[in-house]
């Protein structure tokens, strides 16, 4: 089973995220010369959610829908969508052409509001014009998030069994885009034997994600991304944007077609707040760089077998380490609650790593064979990690100029209520052709907090256990 992040995500992120090649690192990004405090996100954007660190109680029917294939009704239901265009919102026939025609007609600054219902997507939707909103009619940005609503309240875009489009259901490449109160359903269980499913099995993951949004000054709020085929529930790139009040549920399959919940390319000044990441099969939330990002008050949880992930939260550099990849200067990660749901009776942990800082468990050399640069910068504060095999692991993290900061509140707060008996298997080299663990193979004790010897870390108290590279190239 290929667990190497670079092989899984490079085609997806480099092909889809930034379409125009540059000479330095293969994508065009917005200038990071600008002040990271130029735009202050207003608290007025906060969705109608429980108080910080309370448990998000997702509607039971939403959870059930994320674990089942979509079965349409036999009755076609045509509703008006935009002037002169009707669309089937029963899920019985394709809605792609009608929705795309209305997207193309929507002027800058306007919204295309989908009536509640199910929309079968046979060809991925594309948004290229700026200042466009896609939402559900009858709901506003202050309405309860879709995760708290029963199915049928929010408009749902559903992948057909034969959907084969780069980016999946939705591809956005225009600034100031807003997605609000929309359900993205990758319909994974109906697509295993599809052309896209075959691509996922061969590590070609461009058509497996639910959506890709490349949009600065954008908002993704109150929505759900669930049951992606592989790759990611949402691939995102965009400066000074907000991802808030969403749920990323049951994306991918840990045994065959892994998927992140949310995959974030280098994005300056981004805020990721009050989201739920549940039962995603690769990394629940992974960032490849983000000067000045704020990741706060998110809940990451695994609910039990068969749901397994490699990590709850990860700071990475895509195994490349050039340009702004791995740059977390000024980034803050705080008040995030990660529960990997250890079940002693079953010998189950939902995560290998609660929080993984740095790329080395996946790779320690770049594509040219040189030593891979580390991620650098960033502050972790007041997070909670429960029941992971390895609570926090830092490997390939920090530089002398820009160490990783871990404050005393964070270190005390990052704990496993039921720790200790965890062992993580370090596989021999022949399990991963061409590479092997730097450390000793076999079972090794895990800990609350591990840092490899090269980690450059500022910590206020309670020195971490500095190990012998035991987790390098071991995932």
Foldseek 3Di string as FASTA:
>chain_A
DAQFLLLQPVLQCLVAQAPDQDPFDRHDAPDPVDDLVPDDDDPVLAEQADDFPDDDDFDPQVQVVLVAFDDFDCDFDWDDFDPPAIATQRQNDARAVRVQVVLVVADAQDERAAEFGEHEHQEAHEHEEARYEYFHPPDDSHDAFPRHPHHRRAYEYEYDLARFYFFARYEYHYAAYEYGRYEQHQSQVSHCPYPQVVCLQVSNHRHQERGEHRYANYEYASYEQHATNAAESYEYEYEQYEYHHYEQYHYHDQVGGAYEHYEYEEYENYEYEHYEFELHREEPEEYFAYAQYEYASYEYEYDDPPRAYAEDYEYENSLAQTDRGLEHANYEYASYEYAQDQDVVVRDGRYQEHYEAWNFLNHQAHPVRHGHAARFAYEYAQYEAERHLAQYEYERAYDPVGAYEYEPNRLVRHDYPDDWPHWDFQDADVVPPPDGQPDDGGIDHHDSYEYEPVHDYHYDDDDGHHDPSRSGNRD
